[in-house]
């Protein structure tokens, strides 16, 4: 099913679902955990097809990607600038291509937006509130059926502002890659192979160590040297469905959401010869990034996906898409300290560290009206 990367329909449906949190047939419609602080949550529906978001301390604004959704009822693709206190839409920044993943270089007033289905990145000027360029990461290829398509789709983005480099994962069952973009010239300067012949969801950057960490659905942790432009290490890890990654900046730990979805198991069984499921997932795996060894396994609510570490406060935040919750853990003891009820499908996270506020995109479920707007939640966190 996934052997030919030019067959876009089934592959793209999986890519958007497992990579960026589109609703799936296996997703629950109601939260299963009891919230610890529901009064701290405020929420607002803002647009169709919401995905990742970022908080800008410099602009004092929340920027959220809206793909507009798919089909006849789809809305426009745009980046929404939200008031961080009220979540009101202050500006709508139109885009020519659908918006999914984002990463912010706040010092440079740049928001980089992944155009998953077009294998490109749109550059948004956050001071001027407008798109200023597009970086095409790959050209279409013509398959045996005579139709042109992209061999890779996109997921996560990370940026090294001082070094003027943007890194983007390119998914493909035929061999995932890491794209490297010069943020001054807005040109693709390298395509690094070797991330594994499977989807590669996770991405984290350690600028000091000059390392990019990626995960794939073959249960690999693949490490790329930003100084060498090559894969420098690869380890088998115990997460069967490693998704997003959070990096401890002052230590050797990586926090990885191990999702545990039946849909992904089916993909793994069809795409990986001899695959046998050995772990149900639904946890956060803590690993040593120097050797890939498991340090801890933290039980989560159903379908953990997004993950964010607030290292100074020793807090780890996780979105649980099927559980409809955001859970907070002590990042030293790994104990759960709070749970926030944000049904239906909480997806991505951003943090206002100064004010200790967490922002969450929330996807609709199957019972929501087709074409209805999706939401952003604002969570005022406790001490």
Protein backbone atom coordinates (compact mmCIF):
# COMPACT_ATOMS: atom_id res chain seq x y z
CA UNK A 1 0.00 0.00 0.00
CA UNK A 2 2.81 2.41 0.83
CA UNK A 3 5.49 0.98 -1.42
CA UNK A 4 4.87 3.52 -4.20
CA UNK A 5 5.30 7.04 -2.81
CA UNK A 6 3.56 8.56 -5.81
CA UNK A 7 0.23 7.04 -4.85
CA UNK A 8 -0.85 10.08 -2.91
CA UNK A 9 -4.40 9.48 -1.70
CA UNK A 10 -3.90 6.78 0.94
CA UNK A 11 -0.40 7.94 1.85
CA UNK A 12 -1.46 11.55 2.32
CA UNK A 13 -4.45 10.59 4.45
CA UNK A 14 -2.14 8.68 6.78
CA UNK A 15 0.51 11.40 6.73
CA UNK A 16 -1.87 14.15 7.79
CA UNK A 17 -3.52 11.93 10.38
CA UNK A 18 -0.49 10.51 12.18
CA UNK A 19 1.75 13.49 11.61
CA UNK A 20 -0.42 16.43 12.44
CA UNK A 21 -3.44 15.18 14.26
CA UNK A 22 -6.29 14.90 11.77
CA UNK A 23 -9.32 13.03 13.17
CA UNK A 24 -9.27 9.27 12.71
CA UNK A 25 -11.82 6.51 12.99
CA UNK A 26 -10.09 5.39 16.17
CA UNK A 27 -10.36 8.75 17.95
CA UNK A 28 -12.75 9.07 20.88
CA UNK A 29 -15.18 11.97 21.04
CA UNK A 30 -15.15 12.64 24.77
CA UNK A 31 -12.50 13.12 27.41
CA UNK A 32 -11.84 10.17 29.70
CA UNK A 33 -9.88 11.89 32.46
CA UNK A 34 -11.17 14.08 35.26
CA UNK A 35 -9.80 17.63 34.96
CA UNK A 36 -7.80 19.03 37.84
CA UNK A 37 -8.35 22.68 37.02
CA UNK A 38 -11.12 23.23 34.46
CA UNK A 39 -11.63 26.83 35.61
CA UNK A 40 -8.14 27.63 34.30
CA UNK A 41 -9.18 26.78 30.73
CA UNK A 42 -10.65 29.24 28.28
CA UNK A 43 -11.42 28.27 24.71
CA UNK A 44 -12.45 29.82 21.40
CA UNK A 45 -13.37 28.46 17.97
CA UNK A 46 -11.38 30.42 15.37
CA UNK A 47 -11.09 28.63 11.99
CA UNK A 48 -11.26 25.36 10.09
CA UNK A 49 -8.38 22.91 9.97
CA UNK A 50 -6.21 24.12 12.86
CA UNK A 51 -2.82 22.50 13.38
CA UNK A 52 0.29 23.83 15.09
CA UNK A 53 0.73 27.14 16.89
CA UNK A 54 3.42 29.34 18.42
CA UNK A 55 3.53 32.07 21.05
CA UNK A 56 5.58 35.17 20.27
CA UNK A 57 6.85 37.03 23.32
CA UNK A 58 8.21 39.76 21.06
CA UNK A 59 4.86 40.39 19.37
CA UNK A 60 2.78 39.31 22.40
CA UNK A 61 0.64 37.21 20.10
CA UNK A 62 -0.35 33.64 19.34
CA UNK A 63 0.11 32.50 15.76
CA UNK A 64 -1.84 29.42 14.65
CA UNK A 65 -1.83 27.58 11.31
CA UNK A 66 -5.17 26.97 9.62
CA UNK A 67 -5.16 24.67 6.59
CA UNK A 68 -8.80 25.49 5.92
CA UNK A 69 -9.64 21.80 5.91
CA UNK A 70 -10.33 19.65 2.86
CA UNK A 71 -13.19 19.08 0.44
CA UNK A 72 -15.97 21.33 -0.82
CA UNK A 73 -16.53 22.92 2.59
CA UNK A 74 -12.88 23.91 3.05
CA UNK A 75 -12.05 27.43 4.11
CA UNK A 76 -9.01 29.54 3.21
CA UNK A 77 -5.49 28.63 4.22
CA UNK A 78 -4.14 31.21 6.62
CA UNK A 79 -2.15 32.02 9.71
CA UNK A 80 -4.25 33.58 12.44
CA UNK A 81 -2.80 36.11 14.84
CA UNK A 82 -4.67 35.78 18.15
CA UNK A 83 -4.84 38.02 21.17
CA UNK A 84 -3.03 35.99 23.87
CA UNK A 85 -5.47 37.01 26.62
CA UNK A 86 -8.83 36.70 24.83
CA UNK A 87 -7.97 34.44 21.85
CA UNK A 88 -9.76 36.90 19.59
CA UNK A 89 -8.53 36.92 15.99
CA UNK A 90 -6.55 40.12 15.49
CA UNK A 91 -5.23 39.48 11.99
CA UNK A 92 -5.78 36.87 9.28
CA UNK A 93 -2.66 36.32 7.18
CA UNK A 94 -3.65 34.70 3.86
CA UNK A 95 -1.50 31.89 2.44
CA UNK A 96 -1.41 30.40 -1.04
CA UNK A 97 -0.73 26.89 0.29
CA UNK A 98 -2.27 24.85 3.09
CA UNK A 99 -0.72 25.42 6.53
CA UNK A 100 0.14 22.66 9.01
CA UNK A 101 3.33 22.66 11.11
CA UNK A 102 4.98 25.87 12.36
CA UNK A 103 8.15 27.02 14.06
CA UNK A 104 8.91 30.54 15.27
CA UNK A 105 12.17 32.49 15.10
CA UNK A 106 10.99 35.30 17.34
CA UNK A 107 14.21 37.31 17.22
CA UNK A 108 13.96 37.55 13.44
CA UNK A 109 10.17 38.10 13.28
CA UNK A 110 9.81 34.93 11.22
CA UNK A 111 7.22 32.17 11.38
CA UNK A 112 8.00 29.18 9.17
CA UNK A 113 4.90 27.28 8.06
CA UNK A 114 5.03 23.74 6.69
CA UNK A 115 2.91 23.15 3.58
CA UNK A 116 2.61 19.39 4.05
CA UNK A 117 0.75 18.58 0.84
CA UNK A 118 2.99 20.82 -1.31
CA UNK A 119 6.35 19.82 0.23
CA UNK A 120 7.23 23.46 0.79
CA UNK A 121 7.58 26.07 3.54
CA UNK A 122 5.87 29.45 3.62
CA UNK A 123 7.71 32.26 5.42
CA UNK A 124 5.59 34.75 7.39
CA UNK A 125 6.84 38.08 8.71
CA UNK A 126 5.24 38.35 12.16
CA UNK A 127 5.90 42.09 12.46
CA UNK A 128 4.27 42.91 9.13
CA UNK A 129 1.66 40.13 9.36
CA UNK A 130 2.20 38.90 5.83
CA UNK A 131 3.73 36.02 3.89
CA UNK A 132 7.04 37.03 2.32
CA UNK A 133 8.22 33.91 0.53
CA UNK A 134 7.96 30.20 -0.20
CA UNK A 135 10.73 27.61 -0.17
CA UNK A 136 10.07 24.61 -2.41
CA UNK A 137 11.79 21.59 -0.88
CA UNK A 138 11.18 19.04 -3.62
CA UNK A 139 9.79 18.93 -7.14
CA UNK A 140 7.06 16.59 -8.33
CA UNK A 141 7.94 13.36 -10.08
CA UNK A 142 5.91 11.50 -12.68
CA UNK A 143 4.92 7.98 -11.72
CA UNK A 144 4.19 4.94 -13.86
CA UNK A 145 0.56 6.03 -14.11
CA UNK A 146 1.67 9.26 -15.80
CA UNK A 147 0.57 11.43 -12.87
CA UNK A 148 2.91 13.83 -11.10
CA UNK A 149 3.21 13.91 -7.32
CA UNK A 150 5.58 14.61 -4.47
CA UNK A 151 7.50 11.64 -3.10
CA UNK A 152 7.66 13.15 0.41
CA UNK A 153 5.28 15.06 2.65
CA UNK A 154 6.20 17.21 5.63
CA UNK A 155 5.75 17.16 9.37
CA UNK A 156 7.84 19.02 11.95
CA UNK A 157 10.08 22.08 11.64
CA UNK A 158 12.84 23.36 13.95
CA UNK A 159 14.93 26.50 13.52
CA UNK A 160 18.40 27.60 14.60
CA UNK A 161 18.04 31.37 14.33
CA UNK A 162 21.63 32.47 15.01
CA UNK A 163 22.98 29.89 12.54
CA UNK A 164 20.35 30.82 9.92
CA UNK A 165 19.18 27.23 9.44
CA UNK A 166 15.74 25.66 9.23
CA UNK A 167 15.32 21.87 9.46
CA UNK A 168 12.22 20.05 8.19
CA UNK A 169 11.41 16.34 8.17
CA UNK A 170 10.29 14.83 4.86
CA UNK A 171 8.16 11.70 5.25
CA UNK A 172 8.33 8.69 2.97
CA UNK A 173 8.06 4.94 3.40
CA UNK A 174 10.74 4.73 0.74
CA UNK A 175 13.17 6.75 2.85
CA UNK A 176 12.52 9.79 5.05
CA UNK A 177 14.89 12.77 4.83
CA UNK A 178 15.86 15.97 6.59
CA UNK A 179 15.62 19.16 4.53
CA UNK A 180 18.02 22.00 5.39
CA UNK A 181 17.11 25.58 4.46
CA UNK A 182 19.25 28.72 4.61
CA UNK A 183 16.93 31.25 6.27
CA UNK A 184 18.82 34.24 4.89
CA UNK A 185 18.57 33.25 1.22
CA UNK A 186 15.41 31.14 1.68
CA UNK A 187 17.02 28.40 -0.38
CA UNK A 188 17.18 24.65 0.13
CA UNK A 189 20.85 23.85 0.70
CA UNK A 190 20.78 20.15 1.61
CA UNK A 191 18.59 17.06 1.70
CA UNK A 192 19.99 14.57 4.20
CA UNK A 193 18.91 10.93 3.71
CA UNK A 194 18.95 8.11 6.22
CA UNK A 195 16.01 8.79 8.55
CA UNK A 196 14.63 5.32 7.85
CA UNK A 197 12.24 3.72 5.38
CA UNK A 198 9.21 4.74 7.40
CA UNK A 199 7.36 7.83 8.51
CA UNK A 200 9.61 9.98 10.73
CA UNK A 201 7.34 11.97 13.06
CA UNK A 202 9.64 13.29 15.79
CA UNK A 203 12.06 16.22 15.49
CA UNK A 204 14.13 18.11 18.08
CA UNK A 205 17.17 20.36 17.84
CA UNK A 206 20.11 20.80 20.20
CA UNK A 207 21.92 23.87 18.89
CA UNK A 208 24.81 23.62 21.37
CA UNK A 209 25.60 20.01 20.55
CA UNK A 210 24.91 20.57 16.84
CA UNK A 211 22.52 17.64 16.73
CA UNK A 212 19.06 17.05 15.28
CA UNK A 213 17.09 14.15 16.78
CA UNK A 214 14.41 12.35 14.79
CA UNK A 215 12.22 9.31 15.44
CA UNK A 216 10.56 6.94 12.99
CA UNK A 217 7.92 4.20 12.95
CA UNK A 218 10.62 1.53 12.80
CA UNK A 219 11.33 2.43 16.45
CA UNK A 220 14.57 4.21 15.60
CA UNK A 221 16.13 7.30 17.09
CA UNK A 222 18.18 8.82 14.27
CA UNK A 223 20.69 11.58 15.08
CA UNK A 224 21.93 14.02 12.43
CA UNK A 225 24.96 16.25 12.88
CA UNK A 226 24.18 19.79 11.82
CA UNK A 227 27.94 20.32 11.46
CA UNK A 228 28.49 17.23 9.28
CA UNK A 229 25.21 17.11 7.36
CA UNK A 230 25.06 13.35 7.94
CA UNK A 231 23.45 10.75 10.18
CA UNK A 232 25.94 10.30 13.02
CA UNK A 233 24.08 7.86 15.30
CA UNK A 234 21.09 5.53 15.16
CA UNK A 235 19.53 3.59 18.04
CA UNK A 236 16.62 1.22 18.48
CA UNK A 237 14.27 2.57 21.13
CA UNK A 238 11.44 0.90 23.04
CA UNK A 239 8.73 3.28 21.78
CA UNK A 240 6.73 1.44 19.11
CA UNK A 241 4.95 4.55 17.82
CA UNK A 242 7.35 7.40 18.65
CA UNK A 243 5.72 10.69 17.75
CA UNK A 244 6.74 14.11 19.05
CA UNK A 245 9.99 14.78 20.94
CA UNK A 246 10.90 17.20 23.72
CA UNK A 247 14.57 17.70 24.54
CA UNK A 248 16.02 18.43 27.96
CA UNK A 249 18.39 21.33 27.18
CA UNK A 250 20.51 20.80 30.29
CA UNK A 251 20.79 17.03 30.31
CA UNK A 252 20.82 13.91 28.20
CA UNK A 253 17.09 13.14 28.23
CA UNK A 254 14.60 13.02 25.39
CA UNK A 255 10.87 12.79 26.10
CA UNK A 256 8.97 10.93 23.36
CA UNK A 257 5.21 10.39 23.05
CA UNK A 258 4.47 6.73 22.25
CA UNK A 259 0.99 7.00 20.81
CA UNK A 260 -0.45 3.48 20.63
CA UNK A 261 -3.07 3.81 17.85
CA UNK A 262 -4.50 0.81 16.05
CA UNK A 263 -4.47 2.75 12.77
CA UNK A 264 -0.70 3.16 13.02
CA UNK A 265 -0.24 -0.50 13.97
CA UNK A 266 -2.07 -1.42 10.78
CA UNK A 267 0.26 0.83 8.78
CA UNK A 268 3.30 -0.70 10.46
CA UNK A 269 2.07 -4.23 9.81
CA UNK A 270 1.54 -3.50 6.10
CA UNK A 271 4.71 -1.52 5.55
CA UNK A 272 7.22 -3.40 7.74
CA UNK A 273 7.92 -7.08 6.98
CA UNK A 274 7.73 -9.22 10.11
CA UNK A 275 6.30 -6.45 12.29
CA UNK A 276 4.83 -7.64 15.59
CA UNK A 277 3.36 -5.22 18.11
CA UNK A 278 5.02 -5.58 21.51
CA UNK A 279 3.80 -2.53 23.43
CA UNK A 280 0.39 -0.81 23.66
CA UNK A 281 1.93 2.67 23.83
CA UNK A 282 -0.15 5.35 25.53
CA UNK A 283 2.84 6.65 27.41
CA UNK A 284 5.72 9.10 27.39
CA UNK A 285 9.05 7.35 27.00
CA UNK A 286 12.10 9.00 28.57
CA UNK A 287 15.32 7.96 26.85
CA UNK A 288 19.01 8.69 27.09
CA UNK A 289 19.85 10.49 23.87
CA UNK A 290 23.46 9.35 24.01
CA UNK A 291 22.57 5.67 23.58
CA UNK A 292 18.78 5.39 23.13
CA UNK A 293 18.25 3.45 26.36
CA UNK A 294 14.98 3.73 28.28
CA UNK A 295 15.20 5.79 31.47
CA UNK A 296 11.51 5.86 32.38
CA UNK A 297 8.03 5.13 31.05
CA UNK A 298 5.28 7.56 32.05
CA UNK A 299 1.66 6.35 31.61
CA UNK A 300 -0.52 8.87 29.76
CA UNK A 301 -4.13 9.29 28.78
CA UNK A 302 -5.18 7.81 25.43
CA UNK A 303 -3.38 8.88 22.25
CA UNK A 304 -0.49 11.08 23.48
CA UNK A 305 0.83 13.30 20.70
CA UNK A 306 2.08 16.81 21.41
CA UNK A 307 4.75 17.31 24.06
CA UNK A 308 6.41 20.39 25.56
CA UNK A 309 9.02 20.72 28.30
CA UNK A 310 9.19 23.79 30.53
CA UNK A 311 12.61 22.97 31.97
CA UNK A 312 12.95 25.91 34.42
CA UNK A 313 9.63 24.98 36.10
CA UNK A 314 10.24 21.22 35.79
CA UNK A 315 6.98 20.69 33.96
CA UNK A 316 6.21 18.40 31.04
CA UNK A 317 2.97 18.91 29.10
CA UNK A 318 1.32 16.32 26.84
CA UNK A 319 -1.75 16.43 24.59
CA UNK A 320 -3.81 13.24 24.63
CA UNK A 321 -5.83 13.23 21.41
CA UNK A 322 -8.13 10.32 22.23
CA UNK A 323 -8.37 11.18 25.90
CA UNK A 324 -9.34 14.80 25.21
CA UNK A 325 -6.94 16.07 27.86
CA UNK A 326 -3.70 17.90 28.42
CA UNK A 327 -1.69 16.36 31.24
CA UNK A 328 1.09 18.00 33.24
CA UNK A 329 3.92 16.04 34.85
CA UNK A 330 6.82 16.87 37.11
CA UNK A 331 9.72 16.35 34.70
CA UNK A 332 12.04 15.13 37.49
CA UNK A 333 9.76 12.72 39.37
CA UNK A 334 7.53 11.89 36.34
CA UNK A 335 4.42 12.17 38.53
CA UNK A 336 1.22 13.65 37.10
CA UNK A 337 0.48 17.00 38.73
CA UNK A 338 -2.56 18.22 36.75
CA UNK A 339 -4.99 17.31 34.00
CA UNK A 340 -6.95 19.77 31.86
CA UNK A 341 -10.13 18.78 30.04
CA UNK A 342 -10.02 20.06 26.43
CA UNK A 343 -12.12 17.75 24.26
CA UNK A 344 -12.41 16.70 21.54
CA UNK A 345 -8.84 16.16 20.19
CA UNK A 346 -6.11 18.38 21.70
CA UNK A 347 -3.26 18.52 19.24
CA UNK A 348 -0.33 20.95 19.53
CA UNK A 349 1.18 23.08 22.29
CA UNK A 350 2.83 26.48 22.76
CA UNK A 351 3.99 28.18 25.95
CA UNK A 352 4.09 31.75 27.18
CA UNK A 353 6.86 31.08 29.69
CA UNK A 354 6.80 34.54 31.29
CA UNK A 355 3.11 34.35 32.20
CA UNK A 356 3.00 30.54 32.61
CA UNK A 357 0.22 30.13 30.05
CA UNK A 358 -0.19 27.14 27.76
CA UNK A 359 -1.93 27.33 24.37
CA UNK A 360 -3.46 24.27 22.69
CA UNK A 361 -5.02 23.63 19.30
CA UNK A 362 -8.09 21.39 19.46
CA UNK A 363 -9.28 19.31 16.51
CA UNK A 364 -12.94 18.47 15.93
CA UNK A 365 -14.27 14.93 16.20
CA UNK A 366 -16.47 12.82 13.97
CA UNK A 367 -19.62 14.06 15.70
CA UNK A 368 -18.84 17.73 15.01
CA UNK A 369 -20.48 19.36 12.01
CA UNK A 370 -18.43 19.05 8.83
CA UNK A 371 -16.72 22.32 8.05
CA UNK A 372 -17.17 23.72 11.56
CA UNK A 373 -14.43 25.81 13.11
CA UNK A 374 -11.80 24.28 15.37
CA UNK A 375 -10.57 25.76 18.61
CA UNK A 376 -7.63 27.15 20.53
CA UNK A 377 -7.53 26.79 24.31
CA UNK A 378 -5.71 29.02 26.77
CA UNK A 379 -4.67 27.31 30.02
CA UNK A 380 -3.51 29.42 32.94
CA UNK A 381 -1.12 27.01 34.62
CA UNK A 382 -0.64 26.56 38.33
CA UNK A 383 2.64 26.88 40.18
